[in-house]
């Protein structure tokens, strides 16, 4: 068994819909990693009202908006 704090984060990518503490615990147990006991509960509460599918799909959207804004500023002569 390996110890990793990234396990709950990775499990969000695997779980298709609702992220719950029970689902996180089952997945982490199946994979065979060791994490702090509070982590599944913490992640489940943090993601309770979050649409994880849109979160994953839009992960680079803010960076792209910032790059476009910088290009626009450069086109106008601002540095």
PDB file of N, CA and C in Angstrom:
ATOM      1  N   UNK A   1       0.832  -1.178   0.000  1.00  0.00           N
ATOM      2  CA  UNK A   1       0.000   0.000   0.000  1.00  0.00           C
ATOM      3  C   UNK A   1       0.881   1.247   0.000  1.00  0.00           C
ATOM      4  N   UNK A   2       0.429   2.226  -0.698  1.00  0.00           N
ATOM      5  CA  UNK A   2       1.173   3.479  -0.783  1.00  0.00           C
ATOM      6  C   UNK A   2       0.412   4.583  -0.070  1.00  0.00           C
ATOM      7  N   UNK A   3       1.141   5.552   0.425  1.00  0.00           N
ATOM      8  CA  UNK A   3       0.524   6.712   1.047  1.00  0.00           C
ATOM      9  C   UNK A   3       0.566   7.859   0.052  1.00  0.00           C
ATOM     10  N   UNK A   4      -0.576   8.470  -0.197  1.00  0.00           N
ATOM     11  CA  UNK A   4      -0.617   9.603  -1.104  1.00  0.00           C
ATOM     12  C   UNK A   4      -1.749  10.534  -0.737  1.00  0.00           C
ATOM     13  N   UNK A   5      -1.484  11.817  -0.747  1.00  0.00           N
ATOM     14  CA  UNK A   5      -2.533  12.790  -0.454  1.00  0.00           C
ATOM     15  C   UNK A   5      -3.302  13.162  -1.714  1.00  0.00           C
ATOM     16  N   UNK A   6      -2.839  12.732  -2.886  1.00  0.00           N
ATOM     17  CA  UNK A   6      -3.513  13.036  -4.142  1.00  0.00           C
ATOM     18  C   UNK A   6      -4.650  12.056  -4.446  1.00  0.00           C
ATOM     19  N   UNK A   7      -4.789  11.022  -3.666  1.00  0.00           N
ATOM     20  CA  UNK A   7      -5.805  10.001  -3.933  1.00  0.00           C
ATOM     21  C   UNK A   7      -7.223  10.554  -4.001  1.00  0.00           C
ATOM     22  N   UNK A   8      -7.650  11.400  -3.055  1.00  0.00           N
ATOM     23  CA  UNK A   8      -9.012  11.936  -3.185  1.00  0.00           C
ATOM     24  C   UNK A   8      -9.176  12.789  -4.441  1.00  0.00           C
ATOM     25  N   UNK A   9      -8.168  13.541  -4.799  1.00  0.00           N
ATOM     26  CA  UNK A   9      -8.243  14.369  -6.007  1.00  0.00           C
ATOM     27  C   UNK A   9      -8.358  13.487  -7.241  1.00  0.00           C
ATOM     28  N   UNK A  10      -7.549  12.457  -7.323  1.00  0.00           N
ATOM     29  CA  UNK A  10      -7.601  11.537  -8.464  1.00  0.00           C
ATOM     30  C   UNK A  10      -8.926  10.801  -8.522  1.00  0.00           C
ATOM     31  N   UNK A  11      -9.480  10.484  -7.378  1.00  0.00           N
ATOM     32  CA  UNK A  11     -10.743   9.740  -7.369  1.00  0.00           C
ATOM     33  C   UNK A  11     -11.890  10.584  -7.920  1.00  0.00           C
ATOM     34  N   UNK A  12     -11.810  11.889  -7.814  1.00  0.00           N
ATOM     35  CA  UNK A  12     -12.839  12.759  -8.385  1.00  0.00           C
ATOM     36  C   UNK A  12     -12.879  12.593  -9.900  1.00  0.00           C
ATOM     37  N   UNK A  13     -11.737  12.339 -10.502  1.00  0.00           N
ATOM     38  CA  UNK A  13     -11.691  12.116 -11.947  1.00  0.00           C
ATOM     39  C   UNK A  13     -12.337  10.785 -12.322  1.00  0.00           C
ATOM     40  N   UNK A  14     -12.322   9.838 -11.405  1.00  0.00           N
ATOM     41  CA  UNK A  14     -12.846   8.504 -11.685  1.00  0.00           C
ATOM     42  C   UNK A  14     -14.345   8.411 -11.408  1.00  0.00           C
ATOM     43  N   UNK A  15     -14.794   9.051 -10.341  1.00  0.00           N
ATOM     44  CA  UNK A  15     -16.211   8.973  -9.968  1.00  0.00           C
ATOM     45  C   UNK A  15     -17.039   9.795 -10.957  1.00  0.00           C
ATOM     46  N   UNK A  16     -18.041   9.184 -11.560  1.00  0.00           N
ATOM     47  CA  UNK A  16     -18.750   9.841 -12.657  1.00  0.00           C
ATOM     48  C   UNK A  16     -19.685  10.974 -12.256  1.00  0.00           C
ATOM     49  N   UNK A  17     -20.396  10.837 -11.170  1.00  0.00           N
ATOM     50  CA  UNK A  17     -21.421  11.821 -10.853  1.00  0.00           C
ATOM     51  C   UNK A  17     -21.173  12.468  -9.499  1.00  0.00           C
ATOM     52  N   UNK A  18     -21.936  12.056  -8.552  1.00  0.00           N
ATOM     53  CA  UNK A  18     -21.871  12.650  -7.223  1.00  0.00           C
ATOM     54  C   UNK A  18     -20.704  12.081  -6.426  1.00  0.00           C
ATOM     55  N   UNK A  19     -19.909  12.952  -5.850  1.00  0.00           N
ATOM     56  CA  UNK A  19     -18.779  12.540  -5.024  1.00  0.00           C
ATOM     57  C   UNK A  19     -19.243  12.524  -3.573  1.00  0.00           C
ATOM     58  N   UNK A  20     -19.270  11.333  -2.983  1.00  0.00           N
ATOM     59  CA  UNK A  20     -19.670  11.198  -1.587  1.00  0.00           C
ATOM     60  C   UNK A  20     -18.532  10.568  -0.792  1.00  0.00           C
ATOM     61  N   UNK A  21     -18.600  10.721   0.513  1.00  0.00           N
ATOM     62  CA  UNK A  21     -17.580  10.144   1.374  1.00  0.00           C
ATOM     63  C   UNK A  21     -17.529   8.626   1.218  1.00  0.00           C
ATOM     64  N   UNK A  22     -18.690   7.976   1.125  1.00  0.00           N
ATOM     65  CA  UNK A  22     -18.734   6.521   0.973  1.00  0.00           C
ATOM     66  C   UNK A  22     -18.093   6.074  -0.336  1.00  0.00           C
ATOM     67  N   UNK A  23     -18.391   6.788  -1.423  1.00  0.00           N
ATOM     68  CA  UNK A  23     -17.797   6.437  -2.713  1.00  0.00           C
ATOM     69  C   UNK A  23     -16.287   6.650  -2.703  1.00  0.00           C
ATOM     70  N   UNK A  24     -15.850   7.740  -2.099  1.00  0.00           N
ATOM     71  CA  UNK A  24     -14.412   7.990  -2.002  1.00  0.00           C
ATOM     72  C   UNK A  24     -13.714   6.905  -1.189  1.00  0.00           C
ATOM     73  N   UNK A  25     -14.298   6.552  -0.045  1.00  0.00           N
ATOM     74  CA  UNK A  25     -13.705   5.505   0.795  1.00  0.00           C
ATOM     75  C   UNK A  25     -13.643   4.170   0.061  1.00  0.00           C
ATOM     76  N   UNK A  26     -14.709   3.818  -0.654  1.00  0.00           N
ATOM     77  CA  UNK A  26     -14.726   2.549  -1.382  1.00  0.00           C
ATOM     78  C   UNK A  26     -13.662   2.531  -2.473  1.00  0.00           C
ATOM     79  N   UNK A  27     -13.554   3.611  -3.209  1.00  0.00           N
ATOM     80  CA  UNK A  27     -12.569   3.676  -4.278  1.00  0.00           C
ATOM     81  C   UNK A  27     -11.146   3.635  -3.738  1.00  0.00           C
ATOM     82  N   UNK A  28     -10.894   4.386  -2.691  1.00  0.00           N
ATOM     83  CA  UNK A  28      -9.555   4.434  -2.099  1.00  0.00           C
ATOM     84  C   UNK A  28      -9.184   3.069  -1.519  1.00  0.00           C
ATOM     85  N   UNK A  29     -10.144   2.391  -0.898  1.00  0.00           N
ATOM     86  CA  UNK A  29      -9.889   1.051  -0.354  1.00  0.00           C
ATOM     87  C   UNK A  29      -9.599   0.060  -1.491  1.00  0.00           C
ATOM     88  N   UNK A  30     -10.364   0.164  -2.579  1.00  0.00           N
ATOM     89  CA  UNK A  30     -10.173  -0.739  -3.719  1.00  0.00           C
ATOM     90  C   UNK A  30      -8.798  -0.559  -4.343  1.00  0.00           C
ATOM     91  N   UNK A  31      -8.377   0.691  -4.456  1.00  0.00           N
ATOM     92  CA  UNK A  31      -7.077   0.981  -5.066  1.00  0.00           C
ATOM     93  C   UNK A  31      -5.942   0.559  -4.146  1.00  0.00           C
ATOM     94  N   UNK A  32      -6.182   0.601  -2.844  1.00  0.00           N
ATOM     95  CA  UNK A  32      -5.182   0.138  -1.895  1.00  0.00           C
ATOM     96  C   UNK A  32      -4.192   1.187  -1.457  1.00  0.00           C
ATOM     97  N   UNK A  33      -4.643   2.420  -1.353  1.00  0.00           N
ATOM     98  CA  UNK A  33      -3.763   3.475  -0.859  1.00  0.00           C
ATOM     99  C   UNK A  33      -4.153   3.834   0.560  1.00  0.00           C
ATOM    100  N   UNK A  34      -3.232   4.457   1.250  1.00  0.00           N
ATOM    101  CA  UNK A  34      -3.472   4.892   2.623  1.00  0.00           C
ATOM    102  C   UNK A  34      -3.499   6.416   2.627  1.00  0.00           C
ATOM    103  N   UNK A  35      -4.558   6.960   3.181  1.00  0.00           N
ATOM    104  CA  UNK A  35      -4.643   8.411   3.321  1.00  0.00           C
ATOM    105  C   UNK A  35      -5.112   8.736   4.725  1.00  0.00           C
ATOM    106  N   UNK A  36      -5.047   9.997   5.084  1.00  0.00           N
ATOM    107  CA  UNK A  36      -5.546  10.436   6.382  1.00  0.00           C
ATOM    108  C   UNK A  36      -7.057  10.193   6.422  1.00  0.00           C
ATOM    109  N   UNK A  37      -7.575   9.749   7.545  1.00  0.00           N
ATOM    110  CA  UNK A  37      -8.998   9.403   7.636  1.00  0.00           C
ATOM    111  C   UNK A  37      -9.961  10.563   7.339  1.00  0.00           C
ATOM    112  N   UNK A  38      -9.530  11.793   7.553  1.00  0.00           N
ATOM    113  CA  UNK A  38     -10.420  12.931   7.345  1.00  0.00           C
ATOM    114  C   UNK A  38     -10.535  13.362   5.884  1.00  0.00           C
ATOM    115  N   UNK A  39      -9.638  12.903   5.025  1.00  0.00           N
ATOM    116  CA  UNK A  39      -9.599  13.376   3.642  1.00  0.00           C
ATOM    117  C   UNK A  39     -10.873  13.082   2.843  1.00  0.00           C
ATOM    118  N   UNK A  40     -11.433  11.881   2.848  1.00  0.00           N
ATOM    119  CA  UNK A  40     -12.656  11.645   2.064  1.00  0.00           C
ATOM    120  C   UNK A  40     -13.810  12.546   2.490  1.00  0.00           C
ATOM    121  N   UNK A  41     -13.974  12.723   3.782  1.00  0.00           N
ATOM    122  CA  UNK A  41     -15.034  13.591   4.286  1.00  0.00           C
ATOM    123  C   UNK A  41     -14.803  15.035   3.863  1.00  0.00           C
ATOM    124  N   UNK A  42     -13.576  15.488   3.959  1.00  0.00           N
ATOM    125  CA  UNK A  42     -13.225  16.855   3.578  1.00  0.00           C
ATOM    126  C   UNK A  42     -13.513  17.110   2.100  1.00  0.00           C
ATOM    127  N   UNK A  43     -13.084  16.210   1.246  1.00  0.00           N
ATOM    128  CA  UNK A  43     -13.310  16.373  -0.188  1.00  0.00           C
ATOM    129  C   UNK A  43     -14.783  16.261  -0.545  1.00  0.00           C
ATOM    130  N   UNK A  44     -15.497  15.351   0.087  1.00  0.00           N
ATOM    131  CA  UNK A  44     -16.928  15.203  -0.192  1.00  0.00           C
ATOM    132  C   UNK A  44     -17.685  16.472   0.187  1.00  0.00           C
ATOM    133  N   UNK A  45     -17.345  17.052   1.317  1.00  0.00           N
ATOM    134  CA  UNK A  45     -18.001  18.291   1.739  1.00  0.00           C
ATOM    135  C   UNK A  45     -17.620  19.450   0.822  1.00  0.00           C
ATOM    136  N   UNK A  46     -16.371  19.512   0.416  1.00  0.00           N
ATOM    137  CA  UNK A  46     -15.911  20.597  -0.461  1.00  0.00           C
ATOM    138  C   UNK A  46     -16.571  20.527  -1.832  1.00  0.00           C
ATOM    139  N   UNK A  47     -16.875  19.333  -2.287  1.00  0.00           N
ATOM    140  CA  UNK A  47     -17.448  19.153  -3.626  1.00  0.00           C
ATOM    141  C   UNK A  47     -18.955  18.914  -3.605  1.00  0.00           C
ATOM    142  N   UNK A  48     -19.591  19.115  -2.458  1.00  0.00           N
ATOM    143  CA  UNK A  48     -21.017  18.818  -2.314  1.00  0.00           C
ATOM    144  C   UNK A  48     -21.884  19.605  -3.299  1.00  0.00           C
ATOM    145  N   UNK A  49     -21.597  20.855  -3.524  1.00  0.00           N
ATOM    146  CA  UNK A  49     -22.417  21.693  -4.399  1.00  0.00           C
ATOM    147  C   UNK A  49     -21.688  22.084  -5.679  1.00  0.00           C
ATOM    148  N   UNK A  50     -20.706  21.304  -6.062  1.00  0.00           N
ATOM    149  CA  UNK A  50     -19.909  21.585  -7.243  1.00  0.00           C
ATOM    150  C   UNK A  50     -20.229  20.572  -8.337  1.00  0.00           C
ATOM    151  N   UNK A  51     -20.406  21.058  -9.548  1.00  0.00           N
ATOM    152  CA  UNK A  51     -20.580  20.163 -10.698  1.00  0.00           C
ATOM    153  C   UNK A  51     -19.184  19.742 -11.158  1.00  0.00           C
ATOM    154  N   UNK A  52     -18.761  18.548 -10.741  1.00  0.00           N
ATOM    155  CA  UNK A  52     -17.395  18.114 -11.026  1.00  0.00           C
ATOM    156  C   UNK A  52     -17.138  17.954 -12.516  1.00  0.00           C
ATOM    157  N   UNK A  53     -18.162  17.600 -13.290  1.00  0.00           N
ATOM    158  CA  UNK A  53     -17.969  17.467 -14.736  1.00  0.00           C
ATOM    159  C   UNK A  53     -17.600  18.802 -15.362  1.00  0.00           C
ATOM    160  N   UNK A  54     -18.292  19.874 -15.000  1.00  0.00           N
ATOM    161  CA  UNK A  54     -17.955  21.185 -15.562  1.00  0.00           C
ATOM    162  C   UNK A  54     -16.625  21.675 -15.014  1.00  0.00           C
ATOM    163  N   UNK A  55     -16.315  21.323 -13.774  1.00  0.00           N
ATOM    164  CA  UNK A  55     -15.039  21.704 -13.184  1.00  0.00           C
ATOM    165  C   UNK A  55     -13.878  21.093 -13.963  1.00  0.00           C
ATOM    166  N   UNK A  56     -14.011  19.833 -14.308  1.00  0.00           N
ATOM    167  CA  UNK A  56     -12.968  19.138 -15.053  1.00  0.00           C
ATOM    168  C   UNK A  56     -12.879  19.666 -16.483  1.00  0.00           C
ATOM    169  N   UNK A  57     -14.019  19.891 -17.111  1.00  0.00           N
ATOM    170  CA  UNK A  57     -14.038  20.341 -18.508  1.00  0.00           C
ATOM    171  C   UNK A  57     -13.541  21.768 -18.676  1.00  0.00           C
ATOM    172  N   UNK A  58     -13.688  22.591 -17.652  1.00  0.00           N
ATOM    173  CA  UNK A  58     -13.312  23.996 -17.748  1.00  0.00           C
ATOM    174  C   UNK A  58     -12.014  24.327 -17.028  1.00  0.00           C
ATOM    175  N   UNK A  59     -11.207  23.333 -16.784  1.00  0.00           N
ATOM    176  CA  UNK A  59     -10.000  23.536 -15.985  1.00  0.00           C
ATOM    177  C   UNK A  59      -9.029  24.529 -16.630  1.00  0.00           C
ATOM    178  N   UNK A  60      -8.969  24.604 -17.931  1.00  0.00           N
ATOM    179  CA  UNK A  60      -8.052  25.528 -18.598  1.00  0.00           C
ATOM    180  C   UNK A  60      -8.719  26.777 -19.119  1.00  0.00           C
ATOM    181  N   UNK A  61     -10.001  26.942 -18.874  1.00  0.00           N
ATOM    182  CA  UNK A  61     -10.742  28.071 -19.434  1.00  0.00           C
ATOM    183  C   UNK A  61     -10.250  29.409 -18.901  1.00  0.00           C
ATOM    184  N   UNK A  62      -9.975  29.505 -17.616  1.00  0.00           N
ATOM    185  CA  UNK A  62      -9.529  30.764 -17.026  1.00  0.00           C
ATOM    186  C   UNK A  62      -8.156  31.164 -17.568  1.00  0.00           C
ATOM    187  N   UNK A  63      -7.281  30.187 -17.725  1.00  0.00           N
ATOM    188  CA  UNK A  63      -5.950  30.473 -18.276  1.00  0.00           C
ATOM    189  C   UNK A  63      -6.067  30.985 -19.708  1.00  0.00           C
ATOM    190  N   UNK A  64      -6.957  30.395 -20.485  1.00  0.00           N
ATOM    191  CA  UNK A  64      -7.147  30.813 -21.871  1.00  0.00           C
ATOM    192  C   UNK A  64      -7.697  32.235 -21.926  1.00  0.00           C
ATOM    193  N   UNK A  65      -8.643  32.566 -21.042  1.00  0.00           N
ATOM    194  CA  UNK A  65      -9.200  33.915 -20.997  1.00  0.00           C
ATOM    195  C   UNK A  65      -8.116  34.927 -20.671  1.00  0.00           C
ATOM    196  N   UNK A  66      -7.234  34.580 -19.741  1.00  0.00           N
ATOM    197  CA  UNK A  66      -6.160  35.481 -19.343  1.00  0.00           C
ATOM    198  C   UNK A  66      -5.191  35.693 -20.498  1.00  0.00           C
ATOM    199  N   UNK A  67      -4.846  34.638 -21.219  1.00  0.00           N
ATOM    200  CA  UNK A  67      -3.950  34.761 -22.364  1.00  0.00           C
ATOM    201  C   UNK A  67      -4.575  35.637 -23.446  1.00  0.00           C
ATOM    202  N   UNK A  68      -5.871  35.478 -23.709  1.00  0.00           N
ATOM    203  CA  UNK A  68      -6.555  36.283 -24.711  1.00  0.00           C
ATOM    204  C   UNK A  68      -6.578  37.748 -24.298  1.00  0.00           C
ATOM    205  N   UNK A  69      -6.764  38.003 -23.017  1.00  0.00           N
ATOM    206  CA  UNK A  69      -6.768  39.367 -22.509  1.00  0.00           C
ATOM    207  C   UNK A  69      -5.395  40.003 -22.677  1.00  0.00           C
ATOM    208  N   UNK A  70      -4.332  39.249 -22.394  1.00  0.00           N
ATOM    209  CA  UNK A  70      -2.978  39.760 -22.553  1.00  0.00           C
ATOM    210  C   UNK A  70      -2.676  40.062 -24.019  1.00  0.00           C
ATOM    211  N   UNK A  71      -3.135  39.205 -24.939  1.00  0.00           N
ATOM    212  CA  UNK A  71      -2.936  39.442 -26.368  1.00  0.00           C
ATOM    213  C   UNK A  71      -3.660  40.711 -26.795  1.00  0.00           C
ATOM    214  N   UNK A  72      -4.860  40.899 -26.287  1.00  0.00           N
ATOM    215  CA  UNK A  72      -5.645  42.085 -26.613  1.00  0.00           C
ATOM    216  C   UNK A  72      -4.939  43.351 -26.115  1.00  0.00           C
ATOM    217  N   UNK A  73      -4.400  43.289 -24.899  1.00  0.00           N
ATOM    218  CA  UNK A  73      -3.670  44.430 -24.346  1.00  0.00           C
ATOM    219  C   UNK A  73      -2.435  44.733 -25.173  1.00  0.00           C
ATOM    220  N   UNK A  74      -1.733  43.696 -25.619  1.00  0.00           N
ATOM    221  CA  UNK A  74      -0.528  43.891 -26.423  1.00  0.00           C
ATOM    222  C   UNK A  74      -0.876  44.489 -27.778  1.00  0.00           C
ATOM    223  N   UNK A  75      -2.008  44.107 -28.352  1.00  0.00           N
ATOM    224  CA  UNK A  75      -2.423  44.654 -29.644  1.00  0.00           C
ATOM    225  C   UNK A  75      -2.710  46.150 -29.541  1.00  0.00           C
ATOM    226  N   UNK A  76      -3.107  46.601 -28.360  1.00  0.00           N
ATOM    227  CA  UNK A  76      -3.444  48.002 -28.168  1.00  0.00           C
ATOM    228  C   UNK A  76      -2.229  48.826 -27.747  1.00  0.00           C
ATOM    229  N   UNK A  77      -1.086  48.206 -27.619  1.00  0.00           N
ATOM    230  CA  UNK A  77       0.139  48.896 -27.269  1.00  0.00           C
ATOM    231  C   UNK A  77       0.423  48.958 -25.790  1.00  0.00           C
ATOM    232  N   UNK A  78      -0.367  48.251 -24.952  1.00  0.00           N
ATOM    233  CA  UNK A  78      -0.111  48.215 -23.523  1.00  0.00           C
ATOM    234  C   UNK A  78       0.886  47.112 -23.221  1.00  0.00           C
ATOM    235  N   UNK A  79       1.761  47.348 -22.290  1.00  0.00           N
ATOM    236  CA  UNK A  79       2.745  46.316 -21.885  1.00  0.00           C
ATOM    237  C   UNK A  79       2.561  45.928 -20.461  1.00  0.00           C
TER     238      UNK A  79
END
